[in-house]
Structure formats: C-alpha cells, structure tokens
Amino acid sequence: MPLVIELNDLLAAAERVIALIPEPMLHRVVPRPLDVEGATARIQALLAEREQLEWLDVVGERPAVVDVLSTFIALLELAKRGSLKLRQPGPFEPILIQREPPRPAA
C-alpha cells in the first residue's frame, strides 16, 4: 500500500523542521576611522629611541583591527618616504622595522 500524506501534515512537518534550524548570528559592523597619523607619530617616536623594532613592538600584544591597519599603512608610507626599512627574513617570521638615516637635502 503506498504512503499517503495529507498536505497539511506535510506542511506541519516542514514547519517543525524549519523551527529547529538555528538562526544565524548577525554581527553589526561599526565603521571606525583609521589613525594613520597617530600610528606614524608612534612609530617615529619609537624609532627615535631604538634603531630597530619588531612588529609587536609597534602594535602591542593585543591590538584592535583598526590599530593593525593604521600601523601597517603608516609603516608602508614611512618606508615609501625612505624614513625606515622593512624586512621579513622569511615567511611567518617577524617583520623587522629599521630606522634609516636622514637623507641629505638635494
């Protein structure tokens, strides 16, 4: 004998299954402005005291995402200006930040 299911029974079963599906957790994204100027000043102050730094010296142990991004952009900008040199000896090794001597005026 074939299985006979009423439409209302089928809909009720589907509703029960759907009710068991957990709702996705939604995260609210809050925009935060980057502080590249502040990060630049912090890096320059640290390099005034020491000739060489590592990444964690600049960002700290538990930086916020906005601090990581601000610092990374500041490092790239300072390297582009010739104020410092960035090195990473190998994959997954610390990023080394080295002060460059001032360039003579042209």
PDB file of N, CA and C in Angstrom:
ATOM      1  N   MET A   1       0.840  -1.166   0.000  1.00  0.00           N
ATOM      2  CA  MET A   1       0.000   0.000   0.000  1.00  0.00           C
ATOM      3  C   MET A   1       0.895   1.243   0.000  1.00  0.00           C
ATOM      4  N   PRO A   2       0.686   2.216  -0.884  1.00  0.00           N
ATOM      5  CA  PRO A   2       1.513   3.421  -0.964  1.00  0.00           C
ATOM      6  C   PRO A   2       1.298   4.329   0.252  1.00  0.00           C
ATOM      7  N   LEU A   3       2.338   5.060   0.554  1.00  0.00           N
ATOM      8  CA  LEU A   3       2.281   6.002   1.669  1.00  0.00           C
ATOM      9  C   LEU A   3       1.432   7.194   1.255  1.00  0.00           C
ATOM     10  N   VAL A   4       0.475   7.546   2.091  1.00  0.00           N
ATOM     11  CA  VAL A   4      -0.406   8.678   1.794  1.00  0.00           C
ATOM     12  C   VAL A   4      -0.202   9.715   2.890  1.00  0.00           C
ATOM     13  N   ILE A   5       0.153  10.923   2.441  1.00  0.00           N
ATOM     14  CA  ILE A   5       0.374  12.016   3.394  1.00  0.00           C
ATOM     15  C   ILE A   5      -0.509  13.179   2.980  1.00  0.00           C
ATOM     16  N   GLU A   6      -1.199  13.715   3.946  1.00  0.00           N
ATOM     17  CA  GLU A   6      -2.032  14.887   3.689  1.00  0.00           C
ATOM     18  C   GLU A   6      -1.139  16.116   3.571  1.00  0.00           C
ATOM     19  N   LEU A   7      -1.547  17.061   2.768  1.00  0.00           N
ATOM     20  CA  LEU A   7      -0.784  18.277   2.560  1.00  0.00           C
ATOM     21  C   LEU A   7      -0.586  19.038   3.873  1.00  0.00           C
ATOM     22  N   ASN A   8      -1.607  19.133   4.702  1.00  0.00           N
ATOM     23  CA  ASN A   8      -1.488  19.840   5.979  1.00  0.00           C
ATOM     24  C   ASN A   8      -0.479  19.161   6.906  1.00  0.00           C
ATOM     25  N   ASP A   9      -0.449  17.823   6.887  1.00  0.00           N
ATOM     26  CA  ASP A   9       0.535  17.102   7.701  1.00  0.00           C
ATOM     27  C   ASP A   9       1.953  17.366   7.199  1.00  0.00           C
ATOM     28  N   LEU A  10       2.114  17.411   5.884  1.00  0.00           N
ATOM     29  CA  LEU A  10       3.417  17.675   5.293  1.00  0.00           C
ATOM     30  C   LEU A  10       3.888  19.093   5.636  1.00  0.00           C
ATOM     31  N   LEU A  11       3.003  20.076   5.540  1.00  0.00           N
ATOM     32  CA  LEU A  11       3.350  21.460   5.886  1.00  0.00           C
ATOM     33  C   LEU A  11       3.689  21.589   7.370  1.00  0.00           C
ATOM     34  N   ALA A  12       2.947  20.914   8.220  1.00  0.00           N
ATOM     35  CA  ALA A  12       3.212  20.962   9.656  1.00  0.00           C
ATOM     36  C   ALA A  12       4.580  20.353   9.956  1.00  0.00           C
ATOM     37  N   ALA A  13       4.937  19.262   9.296  1.00  0.00           N
ATOM     38  CA  ALA A  13       6.244  18.634   9.497  1.00  0.00           C
ATOM     39  C   ALA A  13       7.360  19.563   9.025  1.00  0.00           C
ATOM     40  N   ALA A  14       7.154  20.212   7.892  1.00  0.00           N
ATOM     41  CA  ALA A  14       8.159  21.139   7.375  1.00  0.00           C
ATOM     42  C   ALA A  14       8.350  22.307   8.340  1.00  0.00           C
ATOM     43  N   GLU A  15       7.274  22.824   8.907  1.00  0.00           N
ATOM     44  CA  GLU A  15       7.373  23.927   9.874  1.00  0.00           C
ATOM     45  C   GLU A  15       8.155  23.506  11.115  1.00  0.00           C
ATOM     46  N   ARG A  16       7.950  22.272  11.571  1.00  0.00           N
ATOM     47  CA  ARG A  16       8.685  21.788  12.734  1.00  0.00           C
ATOM     48  C   ARG A  16      10.178  21.685  12.436  1.00  0.00           C
ATOM     49  N   VAL A  17      10.520  21.221  11.243  1.00  0.00           N
ATOM     50  CA  VAL A  17      11.932  21.110  10.860  1.00  0.00           C
ATOM     51  C   VAL A  17      12.551  22.505  10.749  1.00  0.00           C
ATOM     52  N   ILE A  18      11.838  23.432  10.128  1.00  0.00           N
ATOM     53  CA  ILE A  18      12.351  24.795   9.968  1.00  0.00           C
ATOM     54  C   ILE A  18      12.542  25.457  11.328  1.00  0.00           C
ATOM     55  N   ALA A  19      11.667  25.187  12.271  1.00  0.00           N
ATOM     56  CA  ALA A  19      11.771  25.775  13.608  1.00  0.00           C
ATOM     57  C   ALA A  19      13.024  25.295  14.337  1.00  0.00           C
ATOM     58  N   LEU A  20      13.559  24.129  13.975  1.00  0.00           N
ATOM     59  CA  LEU A  20      14.762  23.591  14.616  1.00  0.00           C
ATOM     60  C   LEU A  20      16.056  24.185  14.053  1.00  0.00           C
ATOM     61  N   ILE A  21      15.974  24.845  12.912  1.00  0.00           N
ATOM     62  CA  ILE A  21      17.169  25.422  12.300  1.00  0.00           C
ATOM     63  C   ILE A  21      17.553  26.669  13.089  1.00  0.00           C
ATOM     64  N   PRO A  22      18.788  26.710  13.617  1.00  0.00           N
ATOM     65  CA  PRO A  22      19.183  27.892  14.394  1.00  0.00           C
ATOM     66  C   PRO A  22      19.296  29.118  13.491  1.00  0.00           C
ATOM     67  N   GLU A  23      18.933  30.254  14.050  1.00  0.00           N
ATOM     68  CA  GLU A  23      19.037  31.494  13.298  1.00  0.00           C
ATOM     69  C   GLU A  23      20.501  31.902  13.238  1.00  0.00           C
ATOM     70  N   PRO A  24      20.943  32.401  12.090  1.00  0.00           N
ATOM     71  CA  PRO A  24      22.352  32.816  12.002  1.00  0.00           C
ATOM     72  C   PRO A  24      22.609  34.012  12.909  1.00  0.00           C
ATOM     73  N   MET A  25      23.811  34.012  13.486  1.00  0.00           N
ATOM     74  CA  MET A  25      24.186  35.137  14.335  1.00  0.00           C
ATOM     75  C   MET A  25      24.682  36.251  13.421  1.00  0.00           C
ATOM     76  N   LEU A  26      24.055  37.370  13.501  1.00  0.00           N
ATOM     77  CA  LEU A  26      24.451  38.504  12.677  1.00  0.00           C
ATOM     78  C   LEU A  26      25.337  39.426  13.492  1.00  0.00           C
ATOM     79  N   HIS A  27      26.380  39.911  12.862  1.00  0.00           N
ATOM     80  CA  HIS A  27      27.290  40.834  13.522  1.00  0.00           C
ATOM     81  C   HIS A  27      27.074  42.219  12.939  1.00  0.00           C
ATOM     82  N   ARG A  28      27.123  43.170  13.788  1.00  0.00           N
ATOM     83  CA  ARG A  28      26.961  44.544  13.349  1.00  0.00           C
ATOM     84  C   ARG A  28      28.350  45.127  13.112  1.00  0.00           C
ATOM     85  N   VAL A  29      28.555  45.651  11.943  1.00  0.00           N
ATOM     86  CA  VAL A  29      29.835  46.254  11.606  1.00  0.00           C
ATOM     87  C   VAL A  29      29.747  47.741  11.921  1.00  0.00           C
ATOM     88  N   VAL A  30      30.674  48.178  12.764  1.00  0.00           N
ATOM     89  CA  VAL A  30      30.713  49.583  13.150  1.00  0.00           C
ATOM     90  C   VAL A  30      31.961  50.192  12.524  1.00  0.00           C
ATOM     91  N   PRO A  31      31.790  51.146  11.616  1.00  0.00           N
ATOM     92  CA  PRO A  31      32.972  51.733  10.990  1.00  0.00           C
ATOM     93  C   PRO A  31      33.785  52.545  11.999  1.00  0.00           C
ATOM     94  N   ARG A  32      35.086  52.362  11.933  1.00  0.00           N
ATOM     95  CA  ARG A  32      35.986  53.114  12.806  1.00  0.00           C
ATOM     96  C   ARG A  32      37.043  53.754  11.919  1.00  0.00           C
ATOM     97  N   PRO A  33      37.288  55.018  12.101  1.00  0.00           N
ATOM     98  CA  PRO A  33      38.299  55.664  11.257  1.00  0.00           C
ATOM     99  C   PRO A  33      39.700  55.171  11.614  1.00  0.00           C
ATOM    100  N   LEU A  34      40.524  55.058  10.600  1.00  0.00           N
ATOM    101  CA  LEU A  34      41.915  54.680  10.828  1.00  0.00           C
ATOM    102  C   LEU A  34      42.665  55.885  11.376  1.00  0.00           C
ATOM    103  N   ASP A  35      43.676  55.629  12.186  1.00  0.00           N
ATOM    104  CA  ASP A  35      44.502  56.694  12.751  1.00  0.00           C
ATOM    105  C   ASP A  35      45.929  56.523  12.250  1.00  0.00           C
ATOM    106  N   VAL A  36      46.125  56.781  10.953  1.00  0.00           N
ATOM    107  CA  VAL A  36      47.439  56.615  10.351  1.00  0.00           C
ATOM    108  C   VAL A  36      48.403  57.670  10.896  1.00  0.00           C
ATOM    109  N   GLU A  37      47.917  58.890  11.106  1.00  0.00           N
ATOM    110  CA  GLU A  37      48.786  59.948  11.645  1.00  0.00           C
ATOM    111  C   GLU A  37      49.290  59.584  13.045  1.00  0.00           C
ATOM    112  N   GLY A  38      48.398  59.073  13.886  1.00  0.00           N
ATOM    113  CA  GLY A  38      48.792  58.656  15.228  1.00  0.00           C
ATOM    114  C   GLY A  38      49.783  57.510  15.187  1.00  0.00           C
ATOM    115  N   ALA A  39      49.546  56.548  14.298  1.00  0.00           N
ATOM    116  CA  ALA A  39      50.452  55.408  14.170  1.00  0.00           C
ATOM    117  C   ALA A  39      51.815  55.870  13.662  1.00  0.00           C
ATOM    118  N   THR A  40      51.814  56.822  12.729  1.00  0.00           N
ATOM    119  CA  THR A  40      53.070  57.359  12.198  1.00  0.00           C
ATOM    120  C   THR A  40      53.871  58.018  13.314  1.00  0.00           C
ATOM    121  N   ALA A  41      53.198  58.839  14.113  1.00  0.00           N
ATOM    122  CA  ALA A  41      53.879  59.518  15.224  1.00  0.00           C
ATOM    123  C   ALA A  41      54.439  58.507  16.226  1.00  0.00           C
ATOM    124  N   ARG A  42      53.662  57.446  16.514  1.00  0.00           N
ATOM    125  CA  ARG A  42      54.112  56.415  17.460  1.00  0.00           C
ATOM    126  C   ARG A  42      55.352  55.693  16.931  1.00  0.00           C
ATOM    127  N   ILE A  43      55.345  55.351  15.640  1.00  0.00           N
ATOM    128  CA  ILE A  43      56.485  54.650  15.032  1.00  0.00           C
ATOM    129  C   ILE A  43      57.722  55.555  15.047  1.00  0.00           C
ATOM    130  N   GLN A  44      57.538  56.809  14.682  1.00  0.00           N
ATOM    131  CA  GLN A  44      58.674  57.734  14.663  1.00  0.00           C
ATOM    132  C   GLN A  44      59.251  57.925  16.069  1.00  0.00           C
ATOM    133  N   ALA A  45      58.393  58.005  17.075  1.00  0.00           N
ATOM    134  CA  ALA A  45      58.864  58.152  18.452  1.00  0.00           C
ATOM    135  C   ALA A  45      59.649  56.916  18.889  1.00  0.00           C
ATOM    136  N   LEU A  46      59.154  55.739  18.547  1.00  0.00           N
ATOM    137  CA  LEU A  46      59.862  54.503  18.905  1.00  0.00           C
ATOM    138  C   LEU A  46      61.210  54.417  18.194  1.00  0.00           C
ATOM    139  N   LEU A  47      61.235  54.811  16.913  1.00  0.00           N
ATOM    140  CA  LEU A  47      62.490  54.742  16.156  1.00  0.00           C
ATOM    141  C   LEU A  47      63.476  55.829  16.588  1.00  0.00           C
ATOM    142  N   ALA A  48      63.000  56.872  17.234  1.00  0.00           N
ATOM    143  CA  ALA A  48      63.912  57.881  17.782  1.00  0.00           C
ATOM    144  C   ALA A  48      64.684  57.301  18.963  1.00  0.00           C
ATOM    145  N   GLU A  49      64.074  56.338  19.640  1.00  0.00           N
ATOM    146  CA  GLU A  49      64.704  55.706  20.801  1.00  0.00           C
ATOM    147  C   GLU A  49      65.527  54.472  20.437  1.00  0.00           C
ATOM    148  N   ARG A  50      65.069  53.741  19.431  1.00  0.00           N
ATOM    149  CA  ARG A  50      65.721  52.479  19.049  1.00  0.00           C
ATOM    150  C   ARG A  50      65.929  52.443  17.542  1.00  0.00           C
ATOM    151  N   GLU A  51      67.012  51.815  17.127  1.00  0.00           N
ATOM    152  CA  GLU A  51      67.304  51.735  15.696  1.00  0.00           C
ATOM    153  C   GLU A  51      66.465  50.676  14.983  1.00  0.00           C
ATOM    154  N   GLN A  52      66.093  49.628  15.725  1.00  0.00           N
ATOM    155  CA  GLN A  52      65.337  48.537  15.104  1.00  0.00           C
ATOM    156  C   GLN A  52      64.205  48.097  16.009  1.00  0.00           C
ATOM    157  N   LEU A  53      63.058  47.804  15.395  1.00  0.00           N
ATOM    158  CA  LEU A  53      61.863  47.342  16.113  1.00  0.00           C
ATOM    159  C   LEU A  53      61.319  46.110  15.426  1.00  0.00           C
ATOM    160  N   GLU A  54      60.457  45.412  16.125  1.00  0.00           N
ATOM    161  CA  GLU A  54      59.682  44.341  15.509  1.00  0.00           C
ATOM    162  C   GLU A  54      58.224  44.769  15.483  1.00  0.00           C
ATOM    163  N   TRP A  55      57.434  44.078  14.701  1.00  0.00           N
ATOM    164  CA  TRP A  55      56.011  44.378  14.537  1.00  0.00           C
ATOM    165  C   TRP A  55      55.288  44.509  15.876  1.00  0.00           C
ATOM    166  N   LEU A  56      55.516  43.565  16.788  1.00  0.00           N
ATOM    167  CA  LEU A  56      54.809  43.603  18.075  1.00  0.00           C
ATOM    168  C   LEU A  56      55.251  44.772  18.951  1.00  0.00           C
ATOM    169  N   ASP A  57      56.460  45.268  18.729  1.00  0.00           N
ATOM    170  CA  ASP A  57      56.897  46.470  19.461  1.00  0.00           C
ATOM    171  C   ASP A  57      56.017  47.665  19.091  1.00  0.00           C
ATOM    172  N   VAL A  58      55.539  47.673  17.872  1.00  0.00           N
ATOM    173  CA  VAL A  58      54.778  48.817  17.358  1.00  0.00           C
ATOM    174  C   VAL A  58      53.283  48.681  17.659  1.00  0.00           C
ATOM    175  N   VAL A  59      52.723  47.488  17.454  1.00  0.00           N
ATOM    176  CA  VAL A  59      51.267  47.329  17.633  1.00  0.00           C
ATOM    177  C   VAL A  59      50.878  46.841  19.025  1.00  0.00           C
ATOM    178  N   GLY A  60      51.804  46.237  19.767  1.00  0.00           N
ATOM    179  CA  GLY A  60      51.468  45.710  21.084  1.00  0.00           C
ATOM    180  C   GLY A  60      50.956  44.288  21.002  1.00  0.00           C
ATOM    181  N   GLU A  61      50.683  43.710  22.154  1.00  0.00           N
ATOM    182  CA  GLU A  61      50.306  42.289  22.239  1.00  0.00           C
ATOM    183  C   GLU A  61      48.898  41.985  21.734  1.00  0.00           C
ATOM    184  N   ARG A  62      47.932  42.845  22.025  1.00  0.00           N
ATOM    185  CA  ARG A  62      46.538  42.584  21.637  1.00  0.00           C
ATOM    186  C   ARG A  62      45.933  43.802  20.945  1.00  0.00           C
ATOM    187  N   PRO A  63      46.413  44.095  19.729  1.00  0.00           N
ATOM    188  CA  PRO A  63      45.918  45.285  19.047  1.00  0.00           C
ATOM    189  C   PRO A  63      44.520  45.067  18.464  1.00  0.00           C
ATOM    190  N   ALA A  64      43.787  46.148  18.355  1.00  0.00           N
ATOM    191  CA  ALA A  64      42.497  46.111  17.660  1.00  0.00           C
ATOM    192  C   ALA A  64      42.777  46.122  16.161  1.00  0.00           C
ATOM    193  N   VAL A  65      41.814  45.678  15.381  1.00  0.00           N
ATOM    194  CA  VAL A  65      41.981  45.626  13.928  1.00  0.00           C
ATOM    195  C   VAL A  65      42.325  47.007  13.381  1.00  0.00           C
ATOM    196  N   VAL A  66      41.657  48.031  13.886  1.00  0.00           N
ATOM    197  CA  VAL A  66      41.914  49.388  13.398  1.00  0.00           C
ATOM    198  C   VAL A  66      43.355  49.805  13.683  1.00  0.00           C
ATOM    199  N   ASP A  67      43.929  49.358  14.790  1.00  0.00           N
ATOM    200  CA  ASP A  67      45.327  49.671  15.114  1.00  0.00           C
ATOM    201  C   ASP A  67      46.288  48.946  14.172  1.00  0.00           C
ATOM    202  N   VAL A  68      45.985  47.702  13.865  1.00  0.00           N
ATOM    203  CA  VAL A  68      46.823  46.930  12.942  1.00  0.00           C
ATOM    204  C   VAL A  68      46.833  47.591  11.568  1.00  0.00           C
ATOM    205  N   LEU A  69      45.646  47.939  11.074  1.00  0.00           N
ATOM    206  CA  LEU A  69      45.566  48.564   9.750  1.00  0.00           C
ATOM    207  C   LEU A  69      46.245  49.926   9.721  1.00  0.00           C
ATOM    208  N   SER A  70      46.002  50.739  10.748  1.00  0.00           N
ATOM    209  CA  SER A  70      46.622  52.068  10.814  1.00  0.00           C
ATOM    210  C   SER A  70      48.142  51.947  10.836  1.00  0.00           C
ATOM    211  N   THR A  71      48.655  51.031  11.640  1.00  0.00           N
ATOM    212  CA  THR A  71      50.095  50.847  11.763  1.00  0.00           C
ATOM    213  C   THR A  71      50.697  50.337  10.463  1.00  0.00           C
ATOM    214  N   PHE A  72      50.042  49.395   9.827  1.00  0.00           N
ATOM    215  CA  PHE A  72      50.575  48.831   8.586  1.00  0.00           C
ATOM    216  C   PHE A  72      50.652  49.902   7.498  1.00  0.00           C
ATOM    217  N   ILE A  73      49.601  50.704   7.366  1.00  0.00           N
ATOM    218  CA  ILE A  73      49.608  51.774   6.363  1.00  0.00           C
ATOM    219  C   ILE A  73      50.698  52.799   6.694  1.00  0.00           C
ATOM    220  N   ALA A  74      50.832  53.148   7.987  1.00  0.00           N
ATOM    221  CA  ALA A  74      51.866  54.096   8.398  1.00  0.00           C
ATOM    222  C   ALA A  74      53.258  53.554   8.075  1.00  0.00           C
ATOM    223  N   LEU A  75      53.498  52.273   8.322  1.00  0.00           N
ATOM    224  CA  LEU A  75      54.804  51.674   8.018  1.00  0.00           C
ATOM    225  C   LEU A  75      55.101  51.734   6.520  1.00  0.00           C
ATOM    226  N   LEU A  76      54.109  51.411   5.713  1.00  0.00           N
ATOM    227  CA  LEU A  76      54.316  51.453   4.261  1.00  0.00           C
ATOM    228  C   LEU A  76      54.603  52.873   3.792  1.00  0.00           C
ATOM    229  N   GLU A  77      53.890  53.837   4.342  1.00  0.00           N
ATOM    230  CA  GLU A  77      54.102  55.237   3.966  1.00  0.00           C
ATOM    231  C   GLU A  77      55.497  55.712   4.388  1.00  0.00           C
ATOM    232  N   LEU A  78      55.904  55.372   5.606  1.00  0.00           N
ATOM    233  CA  LEU A  78      57.235  55.762   6.078  1.00  0.00           C
ATOM    234  C   LEU A  78      58.337  55.085   5.266  1.00  0.00           C
ATOM    235  N   ALA A  79      58.120  53.842   4.861  1.00  0.00           N
ATOM    236  CA  ALA A  79      59.095  53.142   4.020  1.00  0.00           C
ATOM    237  C   ALA A  79      59.165  53.808   2.644  1.00  0.00           C
ATOM    238  N   LYS A  80      58.030  54.205   2.113  1.00  0.00           N
ATOM    239  CA  LYS A  80      57.986  54.879   0.814  1.00  0.00           C
ATOM    240  C   LYS A  80      58.749  56.213   0.864  1.00  0.00           C
ATOM    241  N   ARG A  81      58.648  56.906   1.991  1.00  0.00           N
ATOM    242  CA  ARG A  81      59.361  58.185   2.169  1.00  0.00           C
ATOM    243  C   ARG A  81      60.861  57.988   2.408  1.00  0.00           C
ATOM    244  N   GLY A  82      61.266  56.749   2.693  1.00  0.00           N
ATOM    245  CA  GLY A  82      62.671  56.478   2.970  1.00  0.00           C
ATOM    246  C   GLY A  82      63.054  56.686   4.427  1.00  0.00           C
ATOM    247  N   SER A  83      62.060  56.792   5.318  1.00  0.00           N
ATOM    248  CA  SER A  83      62.337  57.013   6.745  1.00  0.00           C
ATOM    249  C   SER A  83      62.724  55.727   7.463  1.00  0.00           C
ATOM    250  N   LEU A  84      62.305  54.597   6.919  1.00  0.00           N
ATOM    251  CA  LEU A  84      62.607  53.318   7.545  1.00  0.00           C
ATOM    252  C   LEU A  84      62.675  52.238   6.492  1.00  0.00           C
ATOM    253  N   LYS A  85      63.232  51.099   6.893  1.00  0.00           N
ATOM    254  CA  LYS A  85      63.331  49.937   6.018  1.00  0.00           C
ATOM    255  C   LYS A  85      62.572  48.801   6.672  1.00  0.00           C
ATOM    256  N   LEU A  86      61.782  48.092   5.881  1.00  0.00           N
ATOM    257  CA  LEU A  86      61.028  46.932   6.371  1.00  0.00           C
ATOM    258  C   LEU A  86      61.664  45.671   5.812  1.00  0.00           C
ATOM    259  N   ARG A  87      61.817  44.670   6.686  1.00  0.00           N
ATOM    260  CA  ARG A  87      62.366  43.376   6.272  1.00  0.00           C
ATOM    261  C   ARG A  87      61.589  42.268   6.958  1.00  0.00           C
ATOM    262  N   GLN A  88      61.450  41.176   6.251  1.00  0.00           N
ATOM    263  CA  GLN A  88      60.904  39.957   6.835  1.00  0.00           C
ATOM    264  C   GLN A  88      61.779  38.821   6.327  1.00  0.00           C
ATOM    265  N   PRO A  89      62.637  38.274   7.195  1.00  0.00           N
ATOM    266  CA  PRO A  89      63.612  37.277   6.750  1.00  0.00           C
ATOM    267  C   PRO A  89      62.998  36.066   6.035  1.00  0.00           C
ATOM    268  N   GLY A  90      61.801  35.677   6.412  1.00  0.00           N
ATOM    269  CA  GLY A  90      61.177  34.524   5.785  1.00  0.00           C
ATOM    270  C   GLY A  90      59.690  34.514   6.072  1.00  0.00           C
ATOM    271  N   PRO A  91      58.957  33.604   5.422  1.00  0.00           N
ATOM    272  CA  PRO A  91      57.519  33.511   5.666  1.00  0.00           C
ATOM    273  C   PRO A  91      57.220  33.257   7.141  1.00  0.00           C
ATOM    274  N   PHE A  92      56.246  33.962   7.660  1.00  0.00           N
ATOM    275  CA  PHE A  92      55.775  33.817   9.041  1.00  0.00           C
ATOM    276  C   PHE A  92      56.809  34.249  10.086  1.00  0.00           C
ATOM    277  N   GLU A  93      57.873  34.883   9.661  1.00  0.00           N
ATOM    278  CA  GLU A  93      58.848  35.417  10.606  1.00  0.00           C
ATOM    279  C   GLU A  93      58.482  36.864  10.928  1.00  0.00           C
ATOM    280  N   PRO A  94      58.996  37.391  12.040  1.00  0.00           N
ATOM    281  CA  PRO A  94      58.630  38.757  12.422  1.00  0.00           C
ATOM    282  C   PRO A  94      59.041  39.790  11.364  1.00  0.00           C
ATOM    283  N   ILE A  95      58.225  40.827  11.229  1.00  0.00           N
ATOM    284  CA  ILE A  95      58.574  41.955  10.374  1.00  0.00           C
ATOM    285  C   ILE A  95      59.534  42.842  11.174  1.00  0.00           C
ATOM    286  N   LEU A  96      60.674  43.143  10.579  1.00  0.00           N
ATOM    287  CA  LEU A  96      61.677  43.985  11.230  1.00  0.00           C
ATOM    288  C   LEU A  96      61.589  45.393  10.656  1.00  0.00           C
ATOM    289  N   ILE A  97      61.605  46.361  11.528  1.00  0.00           N
ATOM    290  CA  ILE A  97      61.477  47.765  11.149  1.00  0.00           C
ATOM    291  C   ILE A  97      62.772  48.447  11.562  1.00  0.00           C
ATOM    292  N   GLN A  98      63.492  48.992  10.587  1.00  0.00           N
ATOM    293  CA  GLN A  98      64.795  49.579  10.877  1.00  0.00           C
ATOM    294  C   GLN A  98      64.804  51.046  10.459  1.00  0.00           C
ATOM    295  N   ARG A  99      65.299  51.882  11.361  1.00  0.00           N
ATOM    296  CA  ARG A  99      65.409  53.317  11.100  1.00  0.00           C
ATOM    297  C   ARG A  99      66.441  53.545  10.008  1.00  0.00           C
ATOM    298  N   GLU A 100      66.113  54.432   9.075  1.00  0.00           N
ATOM    299  CA  GLU A 100      67.058  54.823   8.028  1.00  0.00           C
ATOM    300  C   GLU A 100      67.646  56.176   8.391  1.00  0.00           C
ATOM    301  N   PRO A 101      68.919  56.391   8.118  1.00  0.00           N
ATOM    302  CA  PRO A 101      69.489  57.711   8.406  1.00  0.00           C
ATOM    303  C   PRO A 101      68.825  58.749   7.512  1.00  0.00           C
ATOM    304  N   PRO A 102      68.718  59.989   7.987  1.00  0.00           N
ATOM    305  CA  PRO A 102      68.097  61.045   7.159  1.00  0.00           C
ATOM    306  C   PRO A 102      68.881  61.247   5.872  1.00  0.00           C
ATOM    307  N   ARG A 103      68.153  61.509   4.795  1.00  0.00           N
ATOM    308  CA  ARG A 103      68.809  61.762   3.506  1.00  0.00           C
ATOM    309  C   ARG A 103      69.289  63.209   3.450  1.00  0.00           C
ATOM    310  N   PRO A 104      70.439  63.422   2.820  1.00  0.00           N
ATOM    311  CA  PRO A 104      70.894  64.806   2.693  1.00  0.00           C
ATOM    312  C   PRO A 104      69.961  65.594   1.770  1.00  0.00           C
ATOM    313  N   ALA A 105      69.790  66.861   2.072  1.00  0.00           N
ATOM    314  CA  ALA A 105      68.923  67.706   1.260  1.00  0.00           C
ATOM    315  C   ALA A 105      69.532  67.875  -0.132  1.00  0.00           C
ATOM    316  N   ALA A 106      68.680  67.876  -1.126  1.00  0.00           N
ATOM    317  CA  ALA A 106      69.155  67.998  -2.502  1.00  0.00           C
ATOM    318  C   ALA A 106      69.420  69.430  -2.885  1.00  0.00           C
TER     319      ALA A 106
END
